[in-house]
Amino acid sequence: VAELWSVYSKPVPANGRELWTLFLQCSCITAVIGGLFYNWMFASLEYSWHLSVAMAVSFSLLLLLTLFLVHPARCVFSMIMPTLGTKQGRKLLLSTCTMIVVVNITPNIISNIKTILQLIKCICKNSSESLLNSTALLETASWEFGDAIQENVHSINIYRPMNGHFQFSLLKNSSLIYQQMHLAGEKIGRDFLAVEVLVKDSVQIGNKLVAGFSMLYLCFESTWYLKNYLTNLRFDNFYITKKLECLAVDRKASHLLVDSSKNLIRPTGFKLSREEVMLCLMQAMLLTVALMLMLVVVALDHFAFSMADTAVRKAAQFSVVPVTLNIKYSVSAGAPSPSLWILPFFWKLLQLPYKQLPLQDFEGSYHHYLIFSSAHCRISPPMPPNPSVLLVMGLLFCILYATVFLETYAHRLCRKIAGSFFESQEEKRALYLYKKLSRKHQE
């Protein structure tokens, strides 16, 4: 491994064997990166497969030529890998989490809301149809009641200009109501679909922009680090490296490293400075805020499913409501003696004698049932939350929290990579730090 890394980090291969070794190394790296790049574009960013293939092949060929021919580019590319463990890598992982939430959880929430709306539409349709049918019950009762009145009118020999029937103006055609309800349901469905498409498209565009910006910033950050490493001897130069130790031993000044152990850090150690610890805690707090927002969306998914499932189960348990119409009709009439022929309204006024006429009583019961739900309703079943999505999100956030505390070590690894590619510059930096420690010791 050390020999392969030596060939990879050399500015110019020493012989043909090292040249072929370098070419094979770059080819293997570009093949792996090309496959990951294709999967990232097709699965995460949701580009079409032919565009993803074309971009992955073009990117792999360009990367192969760049790594094989340009020595600083190999250094920058090698530093990008540990830089993925910094805040830029966290941005990429957060964009991936956001895309998972939008693609898998948001449609599930909208589907459960649609189920509730379909159930409400079904209940309204069945109840309105049942109420319309109840008007036929009133019509039947009114005609039978009217027939009874008509018989009583004929039984007393008095002329009255009436037929004894009630007239109902019933809505015979219920298709207008159904049409309005259908149009309202379609409008709500279109509105939900438009919101779903808008949210998904907006997040997809935002995710692509964040991913593209993060990748460009990864390259920029690695390039910026290498530029400062090569041009500024004070930049990121507070580590006790092997070259500094060898320099101190050769000049018999090992005590300088012991006296400065509080201010210097070994790049291979696990010690964190106070500033590094505070920075890690700050990044962890920001990451916790993002986690809480994701958990709110997951909770909404579970709440929407619970509401839809409860509504469907309760609607299936709706009992049929019986409606009974009771009509009881009893009347008696009196008539004056035949010797007096006076208008009827003078009977009570003059208190004339009259005799009771027996009339037929009427009593009837009419039954109807109000139905609120029906098995013929087209209701999509509630969609339960996908546990694998929550599992993937938990795994990604575990990686994100790990990168918070690994960010410091990623910076140290970047410095070690730069030092292995530019050994002469590393010697200059070690000499500069040694002189700085010597001046402080003399003061």
Protein backbone atom coordinates (compact mmCIF):
# COMPACT_ATOMS: atom_id res chain seq x y z
CA VAL A 1 0.00 0.00 0.00
CA ALA A 2 2.82 2.39 0.85
CA GLU A 3 4.47 1.70 -2.51
CA LEU A 4 1.21 2.26 -4.40
CA TRP A 5 0.62 5.52 -2.53
CA SER A 6 4.19 6.59 -3.31
CA VAL A 7 3.60 6.03 -7.02
CA TYR A 8 0.25 7.84 -6.83
CA SER A 9 1.64 10.89 -5.03
CA LYS A 10 4.80 11.34 -7.13
CA PRO A 11 4.84 14.34 -9.48
CA VAL A 12 6.39 12.26 -12.30
CA PRO A 13 6.65 8.43 -12.50
CA ALA A 14 10.24 7.21 -12.35
CA ASN A 15 9.87 4.43 -14.98
CA GLY A 16 7.42 2.62 -17.21
CA ARG A 17 6.32 0.27 -14.43
CA GLU A 18 5.29 3.18 -12.22
CA LEU A 19 3.58 4.79 -15.23
CA TRP A 20 1.37 1.74 -15.83
CA THR A 21 0.74 1.38 -12.11
CA LEU A 22 -0.42 5.00 -11.97
CA PHE A 23 -2.68 4.48 -15.00
CA LEU A 24 -4.29 1.40 -13.46
CA GLN A 25 -4.82 3.22 -10.17
CA CYS A 26 -6.48 6.17 -11.90
CA SER A 27 -8.62 3.80 -14.02
CA CYS A 28 -9.89 1.91 -10.96
CA ILE A 29 -10.64 5.16 -9.14
CA THR A 30 -12.54 6.66 -12.08
CA ALA A 31 -14.54 3.43 -12.59
CA VAL A 32 -15.70 3.46 -8.97
CA ILE A 33 -16.38 7.20 -8.94
CA GLY A 34 -18.23 6.95 -12.27
CA GLY A 35 -20.54 4.24 -10.90
CA LEU A 36 -21.25 6.26 -7.76
CA PHE A 37 -21.81 9.39 -9.85
CA TYR A 38 -24.34 7.55 -12.04
CA ASN A 39 -26.19 6.16 -9.03
CA TRP A 40 -26.23 9.59 -7.39
CA MET A 41 -27.67 11.32 -10.48
CA PHE A 42 -30.21 8.59 -11.33
CA ALA A 43 -31.39 7.47 -7.87
CA SER A 44 -30.94 10.57 -5.74
CA LEU A 45 -31.30 13.50 -8.15
CA GLU A 46 -33.78 11.55 -10.36
CA TYR A 47 -32.32 12.41 -13.75
CA SER A 48 -33.19 10.17 -16.69
CA TRP A 49 -31.05 7.06 -17.07
CA HIS A 50 -29.60 7.99 -20.49
CA LEU A 51 -28.60 11.45 -19.26
CA SER A 52 -27.10 9.89 -16.13
CA VAL A 53 -25.12 7.41 -18.20
CA ALA A 54 -23.85 10.11 -20.57
CA MET A 55 -22.84 12.37 -17.69
CA ALA A 56 -21.18 9.53 -15.78
CA VAL A 57 -19.16 8.35 -18.81
CA SER A 58 -18.08 11.90 -19.70
CA PHE A 59 -17.17 12.67 -16.11
CA SER A 60 -15.20 9.42 -15.77
CA LEU A 61 -13.15 10.02 -18.94
CA LEU A 62 -12.40 13.61 -17.94
CA LEU A 63 -11.47 12.53 -14.43
CA LEU A 64 -9.17 9.79 -15.76
CA LEU A 65 -7.22 12.21 -17.94
CA THR A 66 -7.02 14.80 -15.19
CA LEU A 67 -5.81 12.40 -12.52
CA PHE A 68 -3.31 10.72 -14.81
CA LEU A 69 -1.76 13.89 -16.23
CA VAL A 70 -2.09 16.58 -13.53
CA HIS A 71 -0.26 15.99 -10.25
CA PRO A 72 -1.93 18.81 -8.20
CA ALA A 73 -5.34 17.59 -9.44
CA ARG A 74 -4.59 14.17 -7.92
CA CYS A 75 -3.84 15.89 -4.64
CA VAL A 76 -7.04 17.95 -4.77
CA PHE A 77 -9.11 14.88 -5.65
CA SER A 78 -7.53 12.88 -2.82
CA MET A 79 -8.41 15.66 -0.36
CA ILE A 80 -12.03 15.69 -1.58
CA MET A 81 -12.58 12.25 -0.07
CA PRO A 82 -11.92 13.27 3.56
CA THR A 83 -13.60 16.62 2.86
CA LEU A 84 -16.83 14.65 2.42
CA GLY A 85 -16.65 14.18 6.18
CA THR A 86 -16.88 17.95 6.72
CA LYS A 87 -19.84 20.32 6.51
CA GLN A 88 -19.92 20.08 2.72
CA GLY A 89 -20.37 16.34 2.92
CA ARG A 90 -23.11 16.90 5.48
CA LYS A 91 -24.89 19.19 3.03
CA LEU A 92 -24.87 16.41 0.45
CA LEU A 93 -26.23 13.89 2.96
CA LEU A 94 -28.89 16.36 4.14
CA SER A 95 -29.99 16.96 0.55
CA THR A 96 -30.25 13.18 0.14
CA CYS A 97 -32.40 12.95 3.30
CA THR A 98 -34.61 15.75 2.05
CA MET A 99 -35.09 13.99 -1.27
CA ILE A 100 -35.98 10.73 0.50
CA VAL A 101 -38.58 12.56 2.57
CA VAL A 102 -40.12 14.30 -0.44
CA VAL A 103 -40.18 11.24 -2.69
CA ASN A 104 -41.41 8.71 -0.11
CA ILE A 105 -43.16 10.47 2.78
CA THR A 106 -44.90 13.48 1.22
CA PRO A 107 -46.89 11.44 -1.36
CA ASN A 108 -47.89 9.08 1.44
CA ILE A 109 -49.31 11.98 3.48
CA ILE A 110 -51.22 13.33 0.50
CA SER A 111 -52.56 9.85 -0.32
CA ASN A 112 -53.96 9.46 3.21
CA ILE A 113 -55.55 12.90 3.04
CA LYS A 114 -57.13 11.88 -0.28
CA THR A 115 -58.54 8.78 1.43
CA ILE A 116 -60.21 10.95 4.07
CA LEU A 117 -61.68 13.23 1.38
CA GLN A 118 -62.94 10.24 -0.60
CA LEU A 119 -64.63 8.96 2.54
CA ILE A 120 -66.31 12.32 3.17
CA LYS A 121 -67.44 12.40 -0.46
CA CYS A 122 -68.88 8.89 -0.15
CA ILE A 123 -70.78 9.76 3.04
CA CYS A 124 -72.18 12.94 1.50
CA LYS A 125 -73.27 11.09 -1.63
CA ASN A 126 -74.99 8.24 0.19
CA SER A 127 -76.64 10.47 2.78
CA SER A 128 -77.94 12.89 0.15
CA GLU A 129 -79.25 9.99 -1.93
CA SER A 130 -80.95 8.53 1.13
CA LEU A 131 -82.52 11.87 1.98
CA LEU A 132 -83.79 12.26 -1.57
CA ASN A 133 -85.36 8.81 -1.36
CA SER A 134 -87.06 9.83 1.86
CA THR A 135 -89.10 12.40 -0.08
CA ALA A 136 -90.75 9.49 -1.91
CA LEU A 137 -91.88 8.26 1.50
CA LEU A 138 -93.53 11.61 2.17
CA GLU A 139 -95.19 11.50 -1.22
CA THR A 140 -96.64 8.00 -0.59
CA ALA A 141 -97.89 9.00 2.86
CA SER A 142 -99.47 12.19 1.54
CA TRP A 143 -101.39 10.39 -1.21
CA GLU A 144 -102.72 7.71 1.14
CA PHE A 145 -103.68 10.38 3.64
CA GLY A 146 -105.33 12.37 0.86
CA ASP A 147 -107.36 9.33 -0.23
CA ALA A 148 -108.66 8.95 3.32
CA ILE A 149 -109.68 12.59 3.42
CA GLN A 150 -111.37 12.26 0.05
CA GLU A 151 -113.46 9.31 1.28
CA ASN A 152 -114.55 11.27 4.35
CA VAL A 153 -115.55 14.22 2.20
CA HIS A 154 -117.66 11.96 0.02
CA SER A 155 -119.27 10.33 3.08
CA ILE A 156 -120.84 13.62 4.15
CA ASN A 157 -122.87 14.88 1.33
CA ILE A 158 -121.37 18.34 1.14
CA TYR A 159 -119.80 19.82 -1.94
CA ARG A 160 -116.20 20.96 -1.48
CA PRO A 161 -113.90 21.95 -4.36
CA MET A 162 -110.88 19.86 -3.34
CA ASN A 163 -109.41 16.48 -4.09
CA GLY A 164 -107.92 15.93 -0.66
CA HIS A 165 -104.31 15.41 -1.83
CA PHE A 166 -101.17 17.28 -0.87
CA GLN A 167 -98.96 18.42 -3.69
CA PHE A 168 -95.19 17.87 -3.29
CA SER A 169 -92.59 19.37 -5.56
CA LEU A 170 -89.93 16.68 -5.44
CA LEU A 171 -86.50 16.68 -7.01
CA LYS A 172 -86.92 13.67 -9.23
CA ASN A 173 -83.57 14.06 -10.97
CA SER A 174 -80.73 13.70 -8.45
CA SER A 175 -78.02 13.67 -11.13
CA LEU A 176 -77.48 17.42 -10.63
CA ILE A 177 -76.41 16.87 -7.03
CA TYR A 178 -74.18 13.97 -7.99
CA GLN A 179 -72.65 16.01 -10.79
CA GLN A 180 -71.86 18.90 -8.45
CA MET A 181 -70.34 16.56 -5.89
CA HIS A 182 -68.28 14.84 -8.60
CA LEU A 183 -67.00 18.17 -9.89
CA ALA A 184 -66.12 19.28 -6.37
CA GLY A 185 -64.26 16.01 -5.73
CA GLU A 186 -62.35 16.32 -9.00
CA LYS A 187 -61.41 19.93 -8.19
CA ILE A 188 -60.08 18.92 -4.76
CA GLY A 189 -58.14 16.05 -6.36
CA ARG A 190 -56.61 18.38 -8.96
CA ASP A 191 -55.67 20.87 -6.27
CA PHE A 192 -53.95 18.17 -4.21
CA LEU A 193 -52.17 16.81 -7.27
CA ALA A 194 -50.99 20.31 -8.20
CA VAL A 195 -49.67 20.87 -4.67
CA GLU A 196 -47.94 17.48 -4.69
CA VAL A 197 -46.30 18.14 -8.06
CA LEU A 198 -45.29 21.67 -7.04
CA VAL A 199 -43.70 20.52 -3.79
CA LYS A 200 -41.93 17.61 -5.45
CA ASP A 201 -40.62 19.73 -8.35
CA SER A 202 -39.52 22.55 -6.06
CA VAL A 203 -37.63 20.22 -3.75
CA GLN A 204 -36.10 18.38 -6.70
CA ILE A 205 -34.83 21.62 -8.21
CA GLY A 206 -33.59 22.83 -4.84
CA ASN A 207 -31.94 19.50 -4.16
CA LYS A 208 -30.16 19.55 -7.53
CA LEU A 209 -28.95 23.09 -6.94
CA VAL A 210 -27.70 22.24 -3.44
CA ALA A 211 -26.02 19.07 -4.69
CA GLY A 212 -24.33 20.86 -7.59
CA PHE A 213 -23.21 23.73 -5.38
CA SER A 214 -21.92 21.32 -2.74
CA MET A 215 -19.86 19.37 -5.28
CA LEU A 216 -18.37 22.55 -6.70
CA TYR A 217 -17.65 23.82 -3.21
CA LEU A 218 -15.95 20.54 -2.33
CA CYS A 219 -13.55 21.04 -5.23
CA PHE A 220 -13.12 24.71 -4.34
CA GLU A 221 -12.44 23.98 -0.67
CA SER A 222 -9.82 21.34 -1.46
CA THR A 223 -8.18 23.64 -4.02
CA TRP A 224 -8.25 26.54 -1.55
CA TYR A 225 -6.65 24.38 1.14
CA LEU A 226 -3.89 23.21 -1.21
CA LYS A 227 -3.23 26.77 -2.38
CA ASN A 228 -2.86 28.04 1.20
CA TYR A 229 -0.76 25.01 2.12
CA LEU A 230 1.69 25.77 -0.71
CA THR A 231 1.82 29.56 -0.32
CA ASN A 232 1.36 30.26 3.41
CA LEU A 233 3.72 28.58 5.87
CA ARG A 234 1.57 29.63 8.85
CA PHE A 235 -1.64 28.08 7.46
CA ASP A 236 -2.77 25.03 9.47
CA ASN A 237 0.75 24.61 10.89
CA PHE A 238 0.40 23.63 14.54
CA TYR A 239 0.98 19.84 14.41
CA ILE A 240 3.84 17.77 15.78
CA THR A 241 4.74 15.88 12.62
CA LYS A 242 7.46 13.29 12.08
CA LYS A 243 9.58 15.80 10.14
CA LEU A 244 9.34 18.26 13.03
CA GLU A 245 10.34 15.58 15.51
CA CYS A 246 13.29 14.52 13.36
CA LEU A 247 14.36 18.15 13.01
CA ALA A 248 14.18 18.69 16.77
CA VAL A 249 16.16 15.50 17.47
CA ASP A 250 18.85 16.40 14.93
CA ARG A 251 19.29 19.83 16.53
CA LYS A 252 19.02 18.42 20.07
CA ALA A 253 15.95 20.53 20.90
CA SER A 254 13.37 17.91 21.80
CA HIS A 255 12.46 19.95 24.87
CA LEU A 256 10.79 22.49 22.56
CA LEU A 257 8.11 19.98 21.65
CA VAL A 258 7.58 19.02 25.29
CA ASP A 259 7.19 22.63 26.40
CA SER A 260 4.74 23.36 23.56
CA SER A 261 2.65 20.23 23.96
CA LYS A 262 -0.33 22.29 25.17
CA ASN A 263 -0.42 24.39 22.00
CA LEU A 264 0.56 21.73 19.46
CA ILE A 265 -1.43 18.66 18.43
CA ARG A 266 -0.27 15.37 17.00
CA PRO A 267 -2.07 14.79 13.68
CA THR A 268 -2.43 11.07 14.42
CA GLY A 269 -3.82 11.61 17.95
CA PHE A 270 -7.43 11.87 19.09
CA LYS A 271 -6.97 15.01 21.18
CA LEU A 272 -9.28 17.90 20.32
CA SER A 273 -8.59 21.50 21.16
CA ARG A 274 -11.18 23.60 22.97
CA GLU A 275 -12.02 25.50 19.79
CA GLU A 276 -12.52 22.23 17.92
CA VAL A 277 -14.84 20.91 20.63
CA MET A 278 -16.97 24.08 20.60
CA LEU A 279 -17.19 23.95 16.81
CA CYS A 280 -18.34 20.32 16.94
CA LEU A 281 -21.03 21.13 19.49
CA MET A 282 -22.29 24.04 17.38
CA GLN A 283 -22.50 21.86 14.27
CA ALA A 284 -24.30 19.15 16.27
CA MET A 285 -26.93 21.67 17.42
CA LEU A 286 -27.59 22.81 13.85
CA LEU A 287 -27.85 19.21 12.75
CA THR A 288 -30.34 18.53 15.57
CA VAL A 289 -32.58 21.31 14.25
CA ALA A 290 -32.60 19.65 10.81
CA LEU A 291 -33.35 16.30 12.46
CA MET A 292 -36.32 17.77 14.35
CA LEU A 293 -37.77 19.15 11.11
CA MET A 294 -37.44 15.73 9.49
CA LEU A 295 -39.10 14.09 12.48
CA VAL A 296 -42.02 16.53 12.23
CA VAL A 297 -42.63 15.36 8.66
CA VAL A 298 -42.40 11.71 9.77
CA ALA A 299 -44.85 12.42 12.60
CA LEU A 300 -47.26 14.03 10.12
CA ASP A 301 -47.05 10.87 8.02
CA HIS A 302 -47.99 8.69 11.00
CA PHE A 303 -50.74 11.11 12.06
CA ALA A 304 -52.28 11.22 8.55
CA PHE A 305 -52.27 7.41 8.36
CA SER A 306 -53.83 7.12 11.82
CA MET A 307 -56.58 9.57 10.90
CA ALA A 308 -57.31 7.85 7.57
CA ASP A 309 -57.28 4.37 9.08
CA THR A 310 -59.57 5.40 11.96
CA ALA A 311 -61.97 7.19 9.59
CA VAL A 312 -62.24 4.17 7.28
CA ARG A 313 -62.81 1.76 10.16
CA LYS A 314 -65.41 3.98 11.84
CA ALA A 315 -67.21 4.57 8.55
CA ALA A 316 -67.47 0.81 8.04
CA GLN A 317 -69.17 0.59 11.44
CA PHE A 318 -71.82 3.20 10.65
CA SER A 319 -75.25 1.71 11.40
CA VAL A 320 -78.26 2.28 9.23
CA VAL A 321 -80.51 4.90 10.81
CA PRO A 322 -84.23 3.92 10.72
CA VAL A 323 -86.74 6.72 10.08
CA THR A 324 -90.44 6.15 10.86
CA LEU A 325 -93.28 8.48 9.83
CA ASN A 326 -96.51 7.95 11.84
CA ILE A 327 -99.77 9.60 10.71
CA LYS A 328 -102.88 9.36 12.86
CA TYR A 329 -106.02 11.09 11.61
CA SER A 330 -109.28 11.22 13.60
CA VAL A 331 -112.15 13.63 12.90
CA SER A 332 -115.84 13.96 13.67
CA ALA A 333 -118.37 16.27 12.04
CA GLY A 334 -121.83 17.50 13.04
CA ALA A 335 -124.79 18.38 10.74
CA PRO A 336 -127.92 20.53 11.50
CA SER A 337 -131.50 19.23 11.43
CA PRO A 338 -133.06 19.03 8.00
CA SER A 339 -135.67 21.68 8.88
CA LEU A 340 -132.97 24.35 9.05
CA TRP A 341 -130.91 25.18 6.07
CA ILE A 342 -128.36 27.71 7.29
CA LEU A 343 -124.74 28.18 6.37
CA PRO A 344 -122.44 25.96 8.40
CA PHE A 345 -120.53 28.74 10.09
CA PHE A 346 -123.75 29.83 11.93
CA TRP A 347 -123.99 26.47 13.72
CA LYS A 348 -121.88 27.29 16.67
CA LEU A 349 -122.84 30.98 16.63
CA LEU A 350 -126.58 30.21 16.96
CA GLN A 351 -126.01 26.99 18.92
CA LEU A 352 -128.33 25.07 16.62
CA PRO A 353 -128.90 21.37 17.18
CA TYR A 354 -126.73 19.02 15.13
CA LYS A 355 -126.04 15.33 15.01
CA GLN A 356 -122.70 13.50 14.90
CA LEU A 357 -121.69 11.85 11.67
CA PRO A 358 -119.35 8.87 11.99
CA LEU A 359 -116.19 9.34 9.88
CA GLN A 360 -113.48 6.85 9.11
CA ASP A 361 -110.20 7.30 11.08
CA PHE A 362 -106.77 7.05 9.40
CA GLU A 363 -103.59 5.70 10.91
CA GLY A 364 -100.44 4.70 9.01
CA SER A 365 -96.74 4.06 9.62
CA TYR A 366 -94.08 4.51 6.96
CA HIS A 367 -90.49 3.28 7.33
CA HIS A 368 -87.27 4.42 5.70
CA TYR A 369 -83.57 3.91 6.32
CA LEU A 370 -80.84 6.54 6.08
CA ILE A 371 -77.59 5.05 4.72
CA PHE A 372 -74.31 6.94 5.22
CA SER A 373 -71.78 4.50 3.77
CA SER A 374 -71.81 1.87 1.08
CA ALA A 375 -69.55 -0.94 -0.08
CA HIS A 376 -69.76 0.43 -3.62
CA CYS A 377 -67.79 3.56 -2.71
CA ARG A 378 -64.37 3.75 -4.35
CA ILE A 379 -62.08 4.55 -1.42
CA SER A 380 -58.36 3.91 -1.68
CA PRO A 381 -56.99 2.11 1.37
CA PRO A 382 -54.85 4.11 3.83
CA MET A 383 -51.13 3.96 3.09
CA PRO A 384 -49.06 2.99 6.16
CA PRO A 385 -45.68 4.67 6.72
CA ASN A 386 -42.74 2.89 5.14
CA PRO A 387 -40.46 1.69 7.97
CA SER A 388 -37.50 1.35 5.61
CA VAL A 389 -37.58 5.10 4.96
CA LEU A 390 -37.30 5.81 8.67
CA LEU A 391 -34.49 3.26 8.91
CA VAL A 392 -32.54 4.88 6.05
CA MET A 393 -33.06 8.34 7.55
CA GLY A 394 -31.83 7.13 10.94
CA LEU A 395 -28.74 5.60 9.34
CA LEU A 396 -27.98 8.78 7.39
CA PHE A 397 -28.34 10.94 10.48
CA CYS A 398 -26.05 8.62 12.42
CA ILE A 399 -23.48 9.19 9.68
CA LEU A 400 -24.15 12.93 9.83
CA TYR A 401 -23.57 13.06 13.59
CA ALA A 402 -20.41 11.00 13.11
CA THR A 403 -19.11 13.48 10.53
CA VAL A 404 -19.57 16.31 13.04
CA PHE A 405 -16.90 14.83 15.30
CA LEU A 406 -14.84 13.39 12.44
CA GLU A 407 -14.57 16.76 10.70
CA THR A 408 -11.47 17.71 12.70
CA TYR A 409 -9.75 14.45 11.82
CA ALA A 410 -10.77 14.93 8.18
CA HIS A 411 -8.91 18.28 8.16
CA ARG A 412 -5.88 16.58 9.63
CA LEU A 413 -6.03 13.89 6.97
CA CYS A 414 -6.21 16.59 4.28
CA ARG A 415 -3.01 18.08 5.66
CA LYS A 416 -1.32 14.68 5.68
CA ILE A 417 -2.34 14.08 2.06
CA ALA A 418 -0.99 17.46 1.00
CA GLY A 419 2.26 16.75 2.85
CA SER A 420 2.71 13.40 1.09
CA PHE A 421 2.21 14.99 -2.34
CA PHE A 422 4.54 17.93 -1.66
CA GLU A 423 7.30 16.68 0.64
CA SER A 424 9.60 19.65 0.01
CA GLN A 425 6.88 22.04 1.13
CA GLU A 426 6.30 19.92 4.22
CA GLU A 427 9.98 20.26 5.11
CA LYS A 428 9.75 24.05 4.76
CA ARG A 429 6.67 24.14 7.00
CA ALA A 430 8.37 21.97 9.64
CA LEU A 431 11.43 24.26 9.60
CA TYR A 432 9.21 27.34 9.92
CA LEU A 433 7.38 25.88 12.92
CA TYR A 434 10.67 24.84 14.53
CA LYS A 435 12.07 28.37 14.23
CA LYS A 436 8.82 29.78 15.65
CA LEU A 437 9.05 27.48 18.69
CA SER A 438 12.72 28.37 19.17
CA ARG A 439 11.97 32.10 19.21
CA LYS A 440 9.18 31.62 21.77
CA HIS A 441 11.50 29.50 23.92
CA GLN A 442 14.25 32.15 23.83
CA GLU A 443 11.79 34.91 24.71
